[in-house]
Amino acid sequence: MPKTNYYFIDEAGDLNDQSKTFLFGCIITDTPEDLLNDIECLESEIINSGYYYRFRDDFLKTGFHASKNHLDIYGRFVALLATMNFRAYAVILNKRTEYFKKIVSSQSKNQIYDSLIKILLKDRLKKRAEDTNQLFFEQNLSGPTPHRIELRERELSDIIEVINNELSESNLTRARLAFQVSLQNKKEQKIFAVVDYINHIITKVYEGRNNNVQKFMKENFRLIEPKIGCIHDVVKKTFHMPRKKVLEIDNEFVG
């Protein structure tokens, strides 16, 4: 019986020179209310617990944010991820490669950005073509206005329509996709914290720190690995699917 799937999509890294990789990630769930309840319960505990008092002011400003939270909060959220109902997917691009130099010289950043969204979502939507798909993208526009948000939502909808047409023309779906696209920010949509943390862990495993992948980050990855459906390395043309084979972390290390 058809159901409604909820996609929460966010990025990590950049297409400039500030990171070694660029990643698009998403989580898919059919029980967003359960995820939200879990997040709000942990949020309430952190705000009201004496143990977390020393971190409270910073936490009230940032909420759950992987790169900004204290390690004690970080560890609690990672432990929570392992209990949640979602499947995670990611597309990662190693920027220290000839492949990246080539596409940067021939495509605009928006073209690269949008092509990675298509790579990330096409197989996910094909598998769920009989369902209704609600797609929430993290709003990261500089100086957002209602008009700019609406324009970006139309652009993202156009990408999904391209996928829709390709699936239909290839007879890979029996009917056209039913979908809706929405642009939201992390403050109004707390579930983005889940994909933010997943993206952070995958990025840290791929990029490492001080020419090494930290032991605790490897352990974090192993904890969430069962939740990962696929990590697609665009440059290597590989697909890591944990249910088939665990990721050999040291072999994937970008450094």
Protein backbone atom coordinates (compact mmCIF):
# COMPACT_ATOMS: atom_id res chain seq x y z
CA MET A 1 0.00 0.00 0.00
CA PRO A 2 1.42 3.44 -0.91
CA LYS A 3 2.86 5.47 1.95
CA THR A 4 4.54 8.83 2.41
CA ASN A 5 8.33 9.00 2.55
CA TYR A 6 10.11 11.99 4.01
CA TYR A 7 13.55 12.96 2.68
CA PHE A 8 15.81 15.36 4.58
CA ILE A 9 18.70 16.51 2.40
CA ASP A 10 21.77 18.52 3.38
CA GLU A 11 25.34 19.05 2.26
CA ALA A 12 28.76 18.94 3.92
CA GLY A 13 31.92 20.66 2.73
CA ASP A 14 32.03 23.12 -0.13
CA LEU A 15 32.99 23.47 -3.78
CA ASN A 16 35.78 25.95 -2.98
CA ASP A 17 39.07 25.22 -1.20
CA GLN A 18 37.93 24.91 2.40
CA SER A 19 37.38 21.14 2.47
CA LYS A 20 38.88 18.02 0.92
CA THR A 21 35.51 16.60 -0.08
CA PHE A 22 32.01 17.72 -0.95
CA LEU A 23 29.12 15.54 0.13
CA PHE A 24 25.39 15.47 -0.34
CA GLY A 25 23.50 13.31 2.12
CA CYS A 26 19.92 12.46 2.85
CA ILE A 27 17.93 10.41 5.29
CA ILE A 28 14.61 8.82 4.39
CA THR A 29 11.96 7.90 6.93
CA ASP A 30 8.24 7.16 7.02
CA THR A 31 7.97 8.11 10.70
CA PRO A 32 9.26 11.70 10.98
CA GLU A 33 7.16 12.33 14.07
CA ASP A 34 9.09 9.61 15.92
CA LEU A 35 12.44 11.14 14.94
CA LEU A 36 11.26 14.57 16.04
CA ASN A 37 10.04 13.22 19.38
CA ASP A 38 13.39 11.48 20.01
CA ILE A 39 15.29 14.68 19.20
CA GLU A 40 13.08 16.84 21.41
CA CYS A 41 13.34 14.40 24.33
CA LEU A 42 17.15 14.52 24.19
CA GLU A 43 17.05 18.27 23.70
CA SER A 44 14.91 18.65 26.83
CA GLU A 45 17.26 16.43 28.82
CA ILE A 46 20.30 18.49 27.81
CA ILE A 47 18.60 21.80 28.58
CA ASN A 48 17.30 20.68 31.98
CA SER A 49 20.09 18.40 33.23
CA GLY A 50 22.61 19.73 35.74
CA TYR A 51 25.37 17.76 33.99
CA TYR A 52 24.92 19.69 30.75
CA TYR A 53 24.53 23.08 32.46
CA ARG A 54 28.04 24.18 31.42
CA PHE A 55 27.13 23.66 27.75
CA ARG A 56 23.58 25.01 27.93
CA ASP A 57 24.12 28.54 26.63
CA ASP A 58 26.02 27.35 23.57
CA PHE A 59 23.50 24.57 22.96
CA LEU A 60 20.56 26.98 23.10
CA LYS A 61 22.22 28.97 20.30
CA THR A 62 23.14 26.06 18.04
CA GLY A 63 20.81 23.19 18.86
CA PHE A 64 22.10 19.85 17.61
CA HIS A 65 24.92 20.74 15.22
CA ALA A 66 27.68 18.18 14.72
CA SER A 67 30.57 20.59 14.20
CA LYS A 68 29.57 22.86 17.10
CA ASN A 69 28.29 20.58 19.86
CA HIS A 70 30.46 19.59 22.81
CA LEU A 71 31.73 16.00 22.57
CA ASP A 72 29.47 14.90 25.45
CA ILE A 73 26.42 16.09 23.51
CA TYR A 74 27.87 14.74 20.27
CA GLY A 75 28.21 11.27 21.79
CA ARG A 76 24.64 11.28 23.10
CA PHE A 77 23.25 12.21 19.70
CA VAL A 78 25.31 9.59 17.87
CA ALA A 79 24.03 6.94 20.31
CA LEU A 80 20.48 8.13 19.59
CA LEU A 81 21.01 7.79 15.83
CA ALA A 82 21.49 4.05 16.20
CA THR A 83 17.95 3.68 17.61
CA MET A 84 16.11 5.81 15.04
CA ASN A 85 13.99 4.68 12.10
CA PHE A 86 15.66 5.98 8.94
CA ARG A 87 17.92 4.97 6.08
CA ALA A 88 20.83 7.22 5.09
CA TYR A 89 22.40 7.80 1.67
CA ALA A 90 25.31 9.94 0.53
CA VAL A 91 27.14 11.03 -2.60
CA ILE A 92 30.74 12.10 -1.97
CA LEU A 93 33.15 13.92 -4.26
CA ASN A 94 36.91 13.93 -3.60
CA LYS A 95 38.07 17.41 -4.59
CA ARG A 96 41.77 16.51 -4.66
CA THR A 97 41.47 14.66 -7.94
CA GLU A 98 41.84 15.34 -11.66
CA TYR A 99 38.17 14.43 -12.00
CA PHE A 100 37.16 17.34 -9.79
CA LYS A 101 39.50 19.76 -11.59
CA LYS A 102 37.95 18.73 -14.89
CA ILE A 103 34.32 19.23 -13.89
CA VAL A 104 35.10 22.53 -12.14
CA SER A 105 36.65 23.82 -15.36
CA SER A 106 33.67 22.77 -17.47
CA GLN A 107 30.67 23.29 -15.18
CA SER A 108 29.39 26.01 -12.88
CA LYS A 109 29.08 25.32 -9.16
CA ASN A 110 25.31 25.26 -9.51
CA GLN A 111 25.55 22.65 -12.26
CA ILE A 112 27.81 20.45 -10.12
CA TYR A 113 25.57 20.96 -7.12
CA ASP A 114 22.41 20.03 -9.00
CA SER A 115 23.96 17.04 -10.78
CA LEU A 116 24.96 15.57 -7.41
CA ILE A 117 21.41 16.02 -6.13
CA LYS A 118 20.19 14.05 -9.13
CA ILE A 119 22.74 11.28 -8.54
CA LEU A 120 21.77 11.11 -4.88
CA LEU A 121 18.01 10.95 -5.39
CA LYS A 122 17.32 9.09 -8.65
CA ASP A 123 17.62 5.53 -7.35
CA ARG A 124 15.92 6.47 -4.08
CA LEU A 125 12.89 7.83 -5.94
CA LYS A 126 12.80 4.92 -8.38
CA LYS A 127 12.58 2.47 -5.50
CA ARG A 128 9.74 4.48 -3.91
CA ALA A 129 7.93 5.47 -7.11
CA GLU A 130 4.59 4.07 -5.90
CA ASP A 131 4.66 6.28 -2.79
CA THR A 132 4.28 9.98 -2.09
CA ASN A 133 7.67 11.61 -1.57
CA GLN A 134 8.12 14.75 0.52
CA LEU A 135 11.58 16.25 0.00
CA PHE A 136 12.97 18.77 2.49
CA PHE A 137 16.18 20.55 1.49
CA GLU A 138 18.22 22.51 4.01
CA GLN A 139 17.92 26.20 3.25
CA ASN A 140 21.43 27.66 3.01
CA LEU A 141 20.85 30.68 0.78
CA SER A 142 22.80 33.82 1.57
CA GLY A 143 20.33 36.59 2.33
CA PRO A 144 17.22 34.46 1.79
CA THR A 145 13.99 36.18 0.83
CA PRO A 146 10.58 34.59 0.17
CA HIS A 147 11.13 35.14 -3.55
CA ARG A 148 14.59 33.51 -3.56
CA ILE A 149 13.32 30.57 -1.52
CA GLU A 150 10.41 30.07 -3.91
CA LEU A 151 12.76 30.29 -6.89
CA ARG A 152 15.12 27.67 -5.42
CA GLU A 153 12.22 25.37 -4.65
CA ARG A 154 11.17 25.58 -8.30
CA GLU A 155 14.73 24.80 -9.40
CA LEU A 156 14.86 21.77 -7.14
CA SER A 157 11.44 20.65 -8.34
CA ASP A 158 12.73 20.86 -11.91
CA ILE A 159 15.55 18.44 -10.99
CA ILE A 160 13.00 15.97 -9.65
CA GLU A 161 10.93 16.39 -12.81
CA VAL A 162 14.00 15.50 -14.90
CA ILE A 163 14.33 12.32 -12.84
CA ASN A 164 10.60 11.76 -13.28
CA ASN A 165 10.87 12.02 -17.05
CA GLU A 166 13.92 9.76 -17.27
CA LEU A 167 12.25 7.04 -15.20
CA SER A 168 9.05 7.29 -17.20
CA GLU A 169 10.75 7.26 -20.61
CA SER A 170 12.84 4.23 -19.61
CA ASN A 171 9.71 2.41 -18.37
CA LEU A 172 11.28 2.08 -14.94
CA THR A 173 8.12 3.29 -13.19
CA ARG A 174 4.46 2.53 -13.80
CA ALA A 175 3.28 6.03 -12.95
CA ARG A 176 4.75 9.47 -12.57
CA LEU A 177 6.26 10.37 -9.22
CA ALA A 178 4.12 12.10 -6.65
CA PHE A 179 6.40 14.55 -4.84
CA GLN A 180 6.65 17.90 -3.12
CA VAL A 181 9.78 19.98 -2.52
CA SER A 182 10.28 22.33 0.42
CA LEU A 183 13.23 24.49 1.51
CA GLN A 184 13.60 24.79 5.30
CA ASN A 185 16.30 25.82 7.73
CA LYS A 186 17.70 23.84 10.65
CA LYS A 187 15.98 25.99 13.27
CA GLU A 188 12.48 25.33 11.96
CA GLN A 189 13.16 21.70 11.00
CA LYS A 190 15.00 19.87 13.79
CA ILE A 191 15.22 16.59 11.86
CA PHE A 192 17.99 18.12 9.74
CA ALA A 193 20.21 17.40 12.76
CA VAL A 194 20.08 13.68 11.86
CA VAL A 195 21.46 14.14 8.35
CA ASP A 196 23.91 16.79 9.64
CA TYR A 197 25.44 14.27 12.05
CA ILE A 198 25.47 11.45 9.48
CA ASN A 199 27.18 13.74 6.95
CA HIS A 200 29.70 14.85 9.57
CA ILE A 201 30.69 11.30 10.49
CA ILE A 202 31.02 10.15 6.87
CA THR A 203 33.05 13.25 5.98
CA LYS A 204 35.41 12.79 8.94
CA VAL A 205 35.98 9.15 8.00
CA TYR A 206 36.77 10.11 4.41
CA GLU A 207 38.85 13.22 5.17
CA GLY A 208 40.49 12.25 8.44
CA ARG A 209 42.25 14.69 10.74
CA ASN A 210 45.97 15.38 11.05
CA ASN A 211 46.67 12.74 8.37
CA ASN A 212 44.73 10.07 10.22
CA VAL A 213 41.18 8.88 10.87
CA GLN A 214 40.53 9.24 14.58
CA LYS A 215 39.68 6.05 16.43
CA PHE A 216 36.54 7.46 18.02
CA MET A 217 35.29 8.63 14.61
CA LYS A 218 35.80 5.14 13.20
CA GLU A 219 33.77 3.83 16.13
CA ASN A 220 31.04 6.40 15.48
CA PHE A 221 30.90 5.27 11.87
CA ARG A 222 30.61 1.62 12.85
CA LEU A 223 27.73 2.52 15.18
CA ILE A 224 25.70 4.22 12.45
CA GLU A 225 26.85 2.00 9.57
CA PRO A 226 23.77 -0.28 9.76
CA LYS A 227 21.63 2.78 9.07
CA ILE A 228 23.45 3.55 5.81
CA GLY A 229 21.86 2.34 2.60
CA CYS A 230 24.61 3.48 0.23
CA ILE A 231 27.59 5.81 -0.04
CA HIS A 232 28.39 6.60 -3.66
CA ASP A 233 31.97 7.73 -4.31
CA VAL A 234 31.58 9.66 -7.56
CA VAL A 235 35.29 9.72 -8.45
CA LYS A 236 35.98 6.06 -7.74
CA LYS A 237 32.59 5.01 -9.13
CA THR A 238 32.07 2.78 -6.10
CA PHE A 239 28.95 2.09 -4.07
CA HIS A 240 29.42 1.22 -0.42
CA MET A 241 26.43 -0.76 0.88
CA PRO A 242 27.04 -1.91 4.48
CA ARG A 243 24.46 -4.68 4.33
CA LYS A 244 26.68 -6.34 1.71
CA LYS A 245 30.16 -5.38 2.89
CA VAL A 246 31.55 -3.15 5.64
CA LEU A 247 33.53 -0.12 4.54
CA GLU A 248 37.30 -0.54 4.64
CA ILE A 249 37.87 2.84 6.23
CA ASP A 250 41.64 3.06 5.72
CA ASN A 251 41.22 2.30 2.00
CA GLU A 252 38.76 5.19 1.57
CA PHE A 253 40.82 7.73 3.50
CA VAL A 254 41.42 10.91 1.45
CA GLY A 255 44.06 12.38 3.78
